[in-house]
All heavy atoms as atom14 arrays in JSON, in Angstrom:
{
  "sequence": "EAMINAENSDKDLQSAKTKLELIKARLNNEYKNLSSNKSALTEKLE",
  "atom14_mask": [
    [1, 1, 1, 1, 1, 1, 1, 1, 1, 0, 0, 0, 0, 0],
    [1, 1, 1, 1, 1, 0, 0, 0, 0, 0, 0, 0, 0, 0],
    [1, 1, 1, 1, 1, 1, 1, 1, 0, 0, 0, 0, 0, 0],
    [1, 1, 1, 1, 1, 1, 1, 1, 0, 0, 0, 0, 0, 0],
    [1, 1, 1, 1, 1, 1, 1, 1, 0, 0, 0, 0, 0, 0],
    [1, 1, 1, 1, 1, 0, 0, 0, 0, 0, 0, 0, 0, 0],
    [1, 1, 1, 1, 1, 1, 1, 1, 1, 0, 0, 0, 0, 0],
    [1, 1, 1, 1, 1, 1, 1, 1, 0, 0, 0, 0, 0, 0],
    [1, 1, 1, 1, 1, 1, 0, 0, 0, 0, 0, 0, 0, 0],
    [1, 1, 1, 1, 1, 1, 1, 1, 0, 0, 0, 0, 0, 0],
    [1, 1, 1, 1, 1, 1, 1, 1, 1, 0, 0, 0, 0, 0],
    [1, 1, 1, 1, 1, 1, 1, 1, 0, 0, 0, 0, 0, 0],
    [1, 1, 1, 1, 1, 1, 1, 1, 0, 0, 0, 0, 0, 0],
    [1, 1, 1, 1, 1, 1, 1, 1, 1, 0, 0, 0, 0, 0],
    [1, 1, 1, 1, 1, 1, 0, 0, 0, 0, 0, 0, 0, 0],
    [1, 1, 1, 1, 1, 0, 0, 0, 0, 0, 0, 0, 0, 0],
    [1, 1, 1, 1, 1, 1, 1, 1, 1, 0, 0, 0, 0, 0],
    [1, 1, 1, 1, 1, 1, 1, 0, 0, 0, 0, 0, 0, 0],
    [1, 1, 1, 1, 1, 1, 1, 1, 1, 0, 0, 0, 0, 0],
    [1, 1, 1, 1, 1, 1, 1, 1, 0, 0, 0, 0, 0, 0],
    [1, 1, 1, 1, 1, 1, 1, 1, 1, 0, 0, 0, 0, 0],
    [1, 1, 1, 1, 1, 1, 1, 1, 0, 0, 0, 0, 0, 0],
    [1, 1, 1, 1, 1, 1, 1, 1, 0, 0, 0, 0, 0, 0],
    [1, 1, 1, 1, 1, 1, 1, 1, 1, 0, 0, 0, 0, 0],
    [1, 1, 1, 1, 1, 0, 0, 0, 0, 0, 0, 0, 0, 0],
    [1, 1, 1, 1, 1, 1, 1, 1, 1, 1, 1, 0, 0, 0],
    [1, 1, 1, 1, 1, 1, 1, 1, 0, 0, 0, 0, 0, 0],
    [1, 1, 1, 1, 1, 1, 1, 1, 0, 0, 0, 0, 0, 0],
    [1, 1, 1, 1, 1, 1, 1, 1, 0, 0, 0, 0, 0, 0],
    [1, 1, 1, 1, 1, 1, 1, 1, 1, 0, 0, 0, 0, 0],
    [1, 1, 1, 1, 1, 1, 1, 1, 1, 1, 1, 1, 0, 0],
    [1, 1, 1, 1, 1, 1, 1, 1, 1, 0, 0, 0, 0, 0],
    [1, 1, 1, 1, 1, 1, 1, 1, 0, 0, 0, 0, 0, 0],
    [1, 1, 1, 1, 1, 1, 1, 1, 0, 0, 0, 0, 0, 0],
    [1, 1, 1, 1, 1, 1, 0, 0, 0, 0, 0, 0, 0, 0],
    [1, 1, 1, 1, 1, 1, 0, 0, 0, 0, 0, 0, 0, 0],
    [1, 1, 1, 1, 1, 1, 1, 1, 0, 0, 0, 0, 0, 0],
    [1, 1, 1, 1, 1, 1, 1, 1, 1, 0, 0, 0, 0, 0],
    [1, 1, 1, 1, 1, 1, 0, 0, 0, 0, 0, 0, 0, 0],
    [1, 1, 1, 1, 1, 0, 0, 0, 0, 0, 0, 0, 0, 0],
    [1, 1, 1, 1, 1, 1, 1, 1, 0, 0, 0, 0, 0, 0],
    [1, 1, 1, 1, 1, 1, 1, 0, 0, 0, 0, 0, 0, 0],
    [1, 1, 1, 1, 1, 1, 1, 1, 1, 0, 0, 0, 0, 0],
    [1, 1, 1, 1, 1, 1, 1, 1, 1, 0, 0, 0, 0, 0],
    [1, 1, 1, 1, 1, 1, 1, 1, 0, 0, 0, 0, 0, 0],
    [1, 1, 1, 1, 1, 1, 1, 1, 1, 0, 0, 0, 0, 0]
  ],
  "atom14_positions": [
    [[78.0, 50.63, 102.98], [77.35, 50.5, 101.67], [75.93, 49.97, 101.81], [75.01, 50.46, 101.15], [78.18, 49.57, 100.79], [77.64, 49.42, 99.39], [78.5, 48.5, 98.53], [79.62, 48.17, 98.93], [78.03, 48.11, 97.44], [0.0, 0.0, 0.0], [0.0, 0.0, 0.0], [0.0, 0.0, 0.0], [0.0, 0.0, 0.0], [0.0, 0.0, 0.0]],
    [[75.75, 48.99, 102.7], [74.42, 48.43, 102.93], [73.49, 49.48, 103.54], [72.29, 49.53, 103.22], [74.51, 47.21, 103.84], [0.0, 0.0, 0.0], [0.0, 0.0, 0.0], [0.0, 0.0, 0.0], [0.0, 0.0, 0.0], [0.0, 0.0, 0.0], [0.0, 0.0, 0.0], [0.0, 0.0, 0.0], [0.0, 0.0, 0.0], [0.0, 0.0, 0.0]],
    [[74.04, 50.32, 104.43], [73.23, 51.36, 105.05], [72.77, 52.38, 104.0], [71.61, 52.8, 104.0], [74.04, 52.07, 106.14], [73.25, 53.14, 106.89], [74.23, 54.01, 108.14], [75.38, 54.91, 107.08], [0.0, 0.0, 0.0], [0.0, 0.0, 0.0], [0.0, 0.0, 0.0], [0.0, 0.0, 0.0], [0.0, 0.0, 0.0], [0.0, 0.0, 0.0]],
    [[73.69, 52.76, 103.11], [73.34, 53.71, 102.03], [72.28, 53.1, 101.12], [71.31, 53.77, 100.73], [74.6, 54.09, 101.23], [75.55, 54.91, 102.11], [74.22, 54.9, 99.99], [76.89, 55.18, 101.48], [0.0, 0.0, 0.0], [0.0, 0.0, 0.0], [0.0, 0.0, 0.0], [0.0, 0.0, 0.0], [0.0, 0.0, 0.0], [0.0, 0.0, 0.0]],
    [[72.47, 51.81, 100.79], [71.47, 51.13, 99.94], [70.11, 51.08, 100.61], [69.07, 51.28, 99.96], [71.94, 49.7, 99.64], [73.09, 49.65, 98.66], [73.29, 50.6, 97.89], [73.84, 48.57, 98.66], [0.0, 0.0, 0.0], [0.0, 0.0, 0.0], [0.0, 0.0, 0.0], [0.0, 0.0, 0.0], [0.0, 0.0, 0.0], [0.0, 0.0, 0.0]],
    [[70.11, 50.84, 101.92], [68.85, 50.78, 102.66], [68.17, 52.15, 102.69], [66.94, 52.26, 102.53], [69.09, 50.29, 104.09], [0.0, 0.0, 0.0], [0.0, 0.0, 0.0], [0.0, 0.0, 0.0], [0.0, 0.0, 0.0], [0.0, 0.0, 0.0], [0.0, 0.0, 0.0], [0.0, 0.0, 0.0], [0.0, 0.0, 0.0], [0.0, 0.0, 0.0]],
    [[68.97, 53.21, 102.87], [68.41, 54.56, 102.89], [67.85, 54.94, 101.52], [66.77, 55.54, 101.42], [69.49, 55.57, 103.3], [69.88, 55.45, 104.79], [71.02, 56.39, 105.14], [71.64, 56.96, 104.21], [71.3, 56.53, 106.35], [0.0, 0.0, 0.0], [0.0, 0.0, 0.0], [0.0, 0.0, 0.0], [0.0, 0.0, 0.0], [0.0, 0.0, 0.0]],
    [[68.6, 54.59, 100.47], [68.12, 54.86, 99.11], [66.85, 54.07, 98.81], [65.93, 54.56, 98.15], [69.19, 54.52, 98.07], [70.35, 55.5, 98.1], [70.19, 56.65, 98.53], [71.52, 55.08, 97.65], [0.0, 0.0, 0.0], [0.0, 0.0, 0.0], [0.0, 0.0, 0.0], [0.0, 0.0, 0.0], [0.0, 0.0, 0.0], [0.0, 0.0, 0.0]],
    [[66.81, 52.84, 99.31], [65.63, 52.0, 99.1], [64.43, 52.59, 99.84], [63.3, 52.55, 99.33], [65.9, 50.58, 99.6], [64.77, 49.76, 99.4], [0.0, 0.0, 0.0], [0.0, 0.0, 0.0], [0.0, 0.0, 0.0], [0.0, 0.0, 0.0], [0.0, 0.0, 0.0], [0.0, 0.0, 0.0], [0.0, 0.0, 0.0], [0.0, 0.0, 0.0]],
    [[64.67, 53.16, 101.02], [63.59, 53.83, 101.76], [63.01, 54.98, 100.94], [61.79, 55.16, 100.86], [64.11, 54.37, 103.09], [64.33, 53.27, 104.12], [63.75, 52.18, 103.95], [65.09, 53.5, 105.08], [0.0, 0.0, 0.0], [0.0, 0.0, 0.0], [0.0, 0.0, 0.0], [0.0, 0.0, 0.0], [0.0, 0.0, 0.0], [0.0, 0.0, 0.0]],
    [[63.91, 55.75, 100.32], [63.49, 56.89, 99.49], [62.69, 56.4, 98.27], [61.67, 56.99, 97.91], [64.7, 57.69, 99.04], [65.41, 58.42, 100.17], [66.65, 59.14, 99.65], [67.41, 59.84, 100.78], [68.64, 60.5, 100.3], [0.0, 0.0, 0.0], [0.0, 0.0, 0.0], [0.0, 0.0, 0.0], [0.0, 0.0, 0.0], [0.0, 0.0, 0.0]],
    [[63.21, 55.33, 97.63], [62.51, 54.79, 96.45], [61.13, 54.26, 96.82], [60.16, 54.44, 96.07], [63.35, 53.66, 95.82], [64.62, 54.17, 95.18], [64.69, 55.38, 94.88], [65.55, 53.36, 94.97], [0.0, 0.0, 0.0], [0.0, 0.0, 0.0], [0.0, 0.0, 0.0], [0.0, 0.0, 0.0], [0.0, 0.0, 0.0], [0.0, 0.0, 0.0]],
    [[61.06, 53.62, 97.98], [59.78, 53.08, 98.44], [58.8, 54.2, 98.72], [57.62, 54.14, 98.33], [59.98, 52.23, 99.69], [58.71, 51.63, 100.32], [57.99, 50.75, 99.33], [59.06, 50.86, 101.59], [0.0, 0.0, 0.0], [0.0, 0.0, 0.0], [0.0, 0.0, 0.0], [0.0, 0.0, 0.0], [0.0, 0.0, 0.0], [0.0, 0.0, 0.0]],
    [[59.27, 55.25, 99.39], [58.41, 56.39, 99.69], [57.95, 57.09, 98.42], [56.8, 57.52, 98.29], [59.14, 57.38, 100.6], [58.25, 58.52, 101.1], [57.02, 58.04, 101.83], [57.1, 57.18, 102.72], [55.86, 58.56, 101.45], [0.0, 0.0, 0.0], [0.0, 0.0, 0.0], [0.0, 0.0, 0.0], [0.0, 0.0, 0.0], [0.0, 0.0, 0.0]],
    [[58.88, 57.18, 97.44], [58.54, 57.79, 96.16], [57.46, 56.99, 95.44], [56.52, 57.57, 94.87], [59.8, 57.88, 95.28], [59.49, 58.39, 94.01], [0.0, 0.0, 0.0], [0.0, 0.0, 0.0], [0.0, 0.0, 0.0], [0.0, 0.0, 0.0], [0.0, 0.0, 0.0], [0.0, 0.0, 0.0], [0.0, 0.0, 0.0], [0.0, 0.0, 0.0]],
    [[57.59, 55.66, 95.48], [56.59, 54.8, 94.84], [55.23, 54.94, 95.53], [54.19, 54.97, 94.87], [57.05, 53.35, 94.88], [0.0, 0.0, 0.0], [0.0, 0.0, 0.0], [0.0, 0.0, 0.0], [0.0, 0.0, 0.0], [0.0, 0.0, 0.0], [0.0, 0.0, 0.0], [0.0, 0.0, 0.0], [0.0, 0.0, 0.0], [0.0, 0.0, 0.0]],
    [[55.24, 55.04, 96.87], [53.99, 55.21, 97.61], [53.33, 56.55, 97.27], [52.12, 56.61, 97.05], [54.27, 55.15, 99.12], [54.58, 53.77, 99.65], [54.84, 53.8, 101.15], [55.11, 52.4, 101.69], [55.39, 52.43, 103.16], [0.0, 0.0, 0.0], [0.0, 0.0, 0.0], [0.0, 0.0, 0.0], [0.0, 0.0, 0.0], [0.0, 0.0, 0.0]],
    [[54.16, 57.61, 97.23], [53.62, 58.94, 96.91], [53.04, 58.98, 95.51], [51.95, 59.52, 95.29], [54.75, 60.0, 97.03], [55.27, 59.99, 98.37], [54.21, 61.39, 96.71], [0.0, 0.0, 0.0], [0.0, 0.0, 0.0], [0.0, 0.0, 0.0], [0.0, 0.0, 0.0], [0.0, 0.0, 0.0], [0.0, 0.0, 0.0], [0.0, 0.0, 0.0]],
    [[53.78, 58.39, 94.56], [53.31, 58.37, 93.18], [51.99, 57.61, 93.07], [51.07, 58.05, 92.36], [54.37, 57.72, 92.27], [54.04, 57.79, 90.8], [55.14, 57.14, 89.97], [56.42, 57.93, 90.02], [57.46, 57.38, 89.11], [0.0, 0.0, 0.0], [0.0, 0.0, 0.0], [0.0, 0.0, 0.0], [0.0, 0.0, 0.0], [0.0, 0.0, 0.0]],
    [[51.89, 56.49, 93.77], [50.67, 55.7, 93.73], [49.49, 56.48, 94.31], [48.39, 56.47, 93.74], [50.86, 54.39, 94.51], [49.65, 53.45, 94.56], [49.23, 53.03, 93.16], [49.95, 52.23, 95.42], [0.0, 0.0, 0.0], [0.0, 0.0, 0.0], [0.0, 0.0, 0.0], [0.0, 0.0, 0.0], [0.0, 0.0, 0.0], [0.0, 0.0, 0.0]],
    [[49.71, 57.18, 95.41], [48.64, 57.96, 96.03], [48.19, 59.1, 95.11], [46.99, 59.39, 95.0], [49.11, 58.53, 97.38], [49.28, 57.47, 98.47], [48.04, 56.63, 98.67], [46.94, 57.2, 98.75], [48.18, 55.39, 98.73], [0.0, 0.0, 0.0], [0.0, 0.0, 0.0], [0.0, 0.0, 0.0], [0.0, 0.0, 0.0], [0.0, 0.0, 0.0]],
    [[49.16, 59.74, 94.45], [48.82, 60.83, 93.53], [48.01, 60.31, 92.34], [47.03, 60.94, 91.92], [50.1, 61.51, 93.03], [50.86, 62.37, 94.06], [52.19, 62.85, 93.48], [50.01, 63.56, 94.48], [0.0, 0.0, 0.0], [0.0, 0.0, 0.0], [0.0, 0.0, 0.0], [0.0, 0.0, 0.0], [0.0, 0.0, 0.0], [0.0, 0.0, 0.0]],
    [[48.44, 59.17, 91.81], [47.73, 58.57, 90.68], [46.32, 58.15, 91.1], [45.34, 58.35, 90.37], [48.51, 57.37, 90.11], [49.8, 57.83, 89.45], [47.65, 56.6, 89.11], [49.6, 58.77, 88.28], [0.0, 0.0, 0.0], [0.0, 0.0, 0.0], [0.0, 0.0, 0.0], [0.0, 0.0, 0.0], [0.0, 0.0, 0.0], [0.0, 0.0, 0.0]],
    [[46.21, 57.58, 92.29], [44.89, 57.18, 92.8], [43.96, 58.39, 92.91], [42.79, 58.31, 92.53], [45.03, 56.51, 94.17], [45.46, 55.05, 94.12], [45.48, 54.48, 95.53], [45.81, 52.99, 95.5], [45.85, 52.43, 96.88], [0.0, 0.0, 0.0], [0.0, 0.0, 0.0], [0.0, 0.0, 0.0], [0.0, 0.0, 0.0], [0.0, 0.0, 0.0]],
    [[44.51, 59.49, 93.42], [43.7, 60.7, 93.57], [43.28, 61.25, 92.21], [42.12, 61.64, 92.01], [44.5, 61.76, 94.33], [0.0, 0.0, 0.0], [0.0, 0.0, 0.0], [0.0, 0.0, 0.0], [0.0, 0.0, 0.0], [0.0, 0.0, 0.0], [0.0, 0.0, 0.0], [0.0, 0.0, 0.0], [0.0, 0.0, 0.0], [0.0, 0.0, 0.0]],
    [[44.24, 61.25, 91.25], [43.92, 61.76, 89.92], [42.88, 60.88, 89.24], [41.91, 61.37, 88.66], [45.19, 61.83, 89.07], [44.92, 62.27, 87.62], [46.21, 62.44, 86.85], [46.94, 61.21, 86.66], [46.63, 60.29, 85.76], [45.56, 60.44, 84.97], [47.36, 59.2, 85.63], [0.0, 0.0, 0.0], [0.0, 0.0, 0.0], [0.0, 0.0, 0.0]],
    [[43.1, 59.56, 89.29], [42.17, 58.64, 88.64], [40.8, 58.7, 89.29], [39.78, 58.63, 88.6], [42.73, 57.21, 88.71], [43.96, 56.92, 87.84], [44.43, 55.49, 88.05], [43.66, 57.15, 86.37], [0.0, 0.0, 0.0], [0.0, 0.0, 0.0], [0.0, 0.0, 0.0], [0.0, 0.0, 0.0], [0.0, 0.0, 0.0], [0.0, 0.0, 0.0]],
    [[40.78, 58.85, 90.61], [39.5, 58.94, 91.31], [38.71, 60.15, 90.83], [37.5, 60.07, 90.59], [39.73, 59.03, 92.82], [38.43, 59.02, 93.6], [37.61, 58.12, 93.46], [38.24, 60.03, 94.44], [0.0, 0.0, 0.0], [0.0, 0.0, 0.0], [0.0, 0.0, 0.0], [0.0, 0.0, 0.0], [0.0, 0.0, 0.0], [0.0, 0.0, 0.0]],
    [[39.42, 61.27, 90.66], [38.77, 62.49, 90.16], [38.3, 62.31, 88.72], [37.18, 62.71, 88.36], [39.75, 63.66, 90.25], [39.1, 64.98, 89.92], [38.08, 65.34, 90.49], [39.66, 65.71, 88.97], [0.0, 0.0, 0.0], [0.0, 0.0, 0.0], [0.0, 0.0, 0.0], [0.0, 0.0, 0.0], [0.0, 0.0, 0.0], [0.0, 0.0, 0.0]],
    [[39.16, 61.68, 87.9], [38.8, 61.43, 86.5], [37.61, 60.49, 86.41], [36.7, 60.69, 85.6], [39.99, 60.85, 85.75], [41.12, 61.84, 85.5], [42.28, 61.21, 84.75], [42.21, 60.0, 84.45], [43.26, 61.93, 84.5], [0.0, 0.0, 0.0], [0.0, 0.0, 0.0], [0.0, 0.0, 0.0], [0.0, 0.0, 0.0], [0.0, 0.0, 0.0]],
    [[37.61, 59.46, 87.24], [36.52, 58.49, 87.22], [35.2, 59.13, 87.64], [34.13, 58.8, 87.09], [36.84, 57.31, 88.14], [37.94, 56.41, 87.64], [38.53, 55.44, 88.46], [38.41, 56.52, 86.33], [39.54, 54.62, 87.98], [39.43, 55.7, 85.86], [39.99, 54.76, 86.69], [41.0, 53.95, 86.22], [0.0, 0.0, 0.0], [0.0, 0.0, 0.0]],
    [[35.26, 60.05, 88.6], [34.05, 60.75, 89.02], [33.49, 61.57, 87.86], [32.28, 61.56, 87.6], [34.35, 61.66, 90.21], [34.5, 60.93, 91.53], [34.76, 61.92, 92.66], [34.9, 61.18, 94.0], [35.19, 62.14, 95.11], [0.0, 0.0, 0.0], [0.0, 0.0, 0.0], [0.0, 0.0, 0.0], [0.0, 0.0, 0.0], [0.0, 0.0, 0.0]],
    [[34.39, 62.27, 87.16], [33.96, 63.09, 86.02], [33.4, 62.22, 84.9], [32.37, 62.54, 84.29], [35.13, 63.92, 85.5], [35.55, 65.01, 86.47], [34.74, 65.47, 87.27], [36.8, 65.43, 86.39], [0.0, 0.0, 0.0], [0.0, 0.0, 0.0], [0.0, 0.0, 0.0], [0.0, 0.0, 0.0], [0.0, 0.0, 0.0], [0.0, 0.0, 0.0]],
    [[34.11, 61.11, 84.64], [33.65, 60.21, 83.58], [32.31, 59.58, 83.93], [31.43, 59.45, 83.06], [34.7, 59.12, 83.33], [35.98, 59.56, 82.63], [37.02, 58.43, 82.66], [35.7, 59.97, 81.19], [0.0, 0.0, 0.0], [0.0, 0.0, 0.0], [0.0, 0.0, 0.0], [0.0, 0.0, 0.0], [0.0, 0.0, 0.0], [0.0, 0.0, 0.0]],
    [[32.15, 59.2, 85.17], [30.89, 58.6, 85.61], [29.75, 59.61, 85.49], [28.63, 59.26, 85.1], [31.0, 58.11, 87.06], [31.96, 57.07, 87.15], [0.0, 0.0, 0.0], [0.0, 0.0, 0.0], [0.0, 0.0, 0.0], [0.0, 0.0, 0.0], [0.0, 0.0, 0.0], [0.0, 0.0, 0.0], [0.0, 0.0, 0.0], [0.0, 0.0, 0.0]],
    [[30.05, 60.87, 85.84], [29.05, 61.92, 85.71], [28.68, 62.13, 84.25], [27.49, 62.26, 83.91], [29.6, 63.22, 86.31], [28.68, 64.27, 86.16], [0.0, 0.0, 0.0], [0.0, 0.0, 0.0], [0.0, 0.0, 0.0], [0.0, 0.0, 0.0], [0.0, 0.0, 0.0], [0.0, 0.0, 0.0], [0.0, 0.0, 0.0], [0.0, 0.0, 0.0]],
    [[29.71, 62.15, 83.37], [29.45, 62.3, 81.93], [28.65, 61.13, 81.39], [27.74, 61.31, 80.56], [30.77, 62.41, 81.17], [31.49, 63.71, 81.45], [30.9, 64.67, 81.91], [32.79, 63.75, 81.18], [0.0, 0.0, 0.0], [0.0, 0.0, 0.0], [0.0, 0.0, 0.0], [0.0, 0.0, 0.0], [0.0, 0.0, 0.0], [0.0, 0.0, 0.0]],
    [[28.98, 59.95, 81.87], [28.27, 58.76, 81.42], [26.8, 58.82, 81.8], [25.91, 58.46, 81.01], [28.92, 57.51, 82.02], [28.3, 56.21, 81.55], [28.96, 55.02, 82.23], [28.29, 53.71, 81.84], [28.85, 52.55, 82.56], [0.0, 0.0, 0.0], [0.0, 0.0, 0.0], [0.0, 0.0, 0.0], [0.0, 0.0, 0.0], [0.0, 0.0, 0.0]],
    [[26.53, 59.29, 83.02], [25.14, 59.41, 83.47], [24.37, 60.41, 82.61], [23.22, 60.16, 82.23], [25.11, 59.86, 84.94], [25.7, 58.88, 85.77], [0.0, 0.0, 0.0], [0.0, 0.0, 0.0], [0.0, 0.0, 0.0], [0.0, 0.0, 0.0], [0.0, 0.0, 0.0], [0.0, 0.0, 0.0], [0.0, 0.0, 0.0], [0.0, 0.0, 0.0]],
    [[25.03, 61.55, 82.3], [24.38, 62.57, 81.47], [24.1, 62.04, 80.07], [23.03, 62.28, 79.5], [25.26, 63.81, 81.4], [0.0, 0.0, 0.0], [0.0, 0.0, 0.0], [0.0, 0.0, 0.0], [0.0, 0.0, 0.0], [0.0, 0.0, 0.0], [0.0, 0.0, 0.0], [0.0, 0.0, 0.0], [0.0, 0.0, 0.0], [0.0, 0.0, 0.0]],
    [[25.06, 61.3, 79.53], [24.89, 60.72, 78.19], [23.79, 59.66, 78.18], [23.03, 59.55, 77.22], [26.22, 60.11, 77.71], [27.32, 61.1, 77.34], [28.65, 60.37, 77.14], [26.96, 61.87, 76.07], [0.0, 0.0, 0.0], [0.0, 0.0, 0.0], [0.0, 0.0, 0.0], [0.0, 0.0, 0.0], [0.0, 0.0, 0.0], [0.0, 0.0, 0.0]],
    [[23.73, 58.89, 79.24], [22.69, 57.85, 79.35], [21.3, 58.49, 79.39], [20.37, 57.99, 78.75], [22.92, 57.0, 80.61], [24.21, 56.37, 80.54], [21.85, 55.91, 80.72], [0.0, 0.0, 0.0], [0.0, 0.0, 0.0], [0.0, 0.0, 0.0], [0.0, 0.0, 0.0], [0.0, 0.0, 0.0], [0.0, 0.0, 0.0], [0.0, 0.0, 0.0]],
    [[21.18, 59.59, 80.11], [19.89, 60.29, 80.16], [19.53, 60.83, 78.78], [18.36, 60.75, 78.36], [19.98, 61.45, 81.17], [20.05, 61.01, 82.62], [20.15, 62.18, 83.57], [20.03, 63.33, 83.11], [20.35, 61.94, 84.78], [0.0, 0.0, 0.0], [0.0, 0.0, 0.0], [0.0, 0.0, 0.0], [0.0, 0.0, 0.0], [0.0, 0.0, 0.0]],
    [[20.53, 61.38, 78.09], [20.28, 61.9, 76.74], [19.89, 60.77, 75.8], [19.01, 60.92, 74.94], [21.53, 62.59, 76.21], [21.32, 63.34, 74.9], [22.57, 64.12, 74.51], [22.33, 64.89, 73.21], [23.53, 65.67, 72.8], [0.0, 0.0, 0.0], [0.0, 0.0, 0.0], [0.0, 0.0, 0.0], [0.0, 0.0, 0.0], [0.0, 0.0, 0.0]],
    [[20.51, 59.61, 75.99], [20.19, 58.44, 75.16], [18.74, 58.0, 75.38], [18.05, 57.63, 74.43], [21.16, 57.31, 75.53], [21.32, 56.16, 74.53], [21.86, 56.67, 73.21], [22.27, 55.11, 75.11], [0.0, 0.0, 0.0], [0.0, 0.0, 0.0], [0.0, 0.0, 0.0], [0.0, 0.0, 0.0], [0.0, 0.0, 0.0], [0.0, 0.0, 0.0]],
    [[18.31, 58.07, 76.61], [16.93, 57.69, 76.92], [15.95, 58.64, 76.25], [14.9, 58.22, 75.74], [16.74, 57.68, 78.44], [17.48, 56.54, 79.14], [17.45, 56.67, 80.65], [16.94, 57.7, 81.15], [17.94, 55.75, 81.33], [0.0, 0.0, 0.0], [0.0, 0.0, 0.0], [0.0, 0.0, 0.0], [0.0, 0.0, 0.0], [0.0, 0.0, 0.0]]
  ]
}
C-alpha cells in the first residue's frame, strides 16, 4: 500500500511540476505581449 501511495505521489508531483511549467510558459508569453502592448500604448500616450 505504501509503495502504491509513493508511486501515485510521484505521478501527482510530476503532474504539478508539468502544470507549473506550462503555466509559466503561458504567462511568460502573455506577459511579453502585454509588455509590448504597454510600450505601444505609452508611446501613443506621449
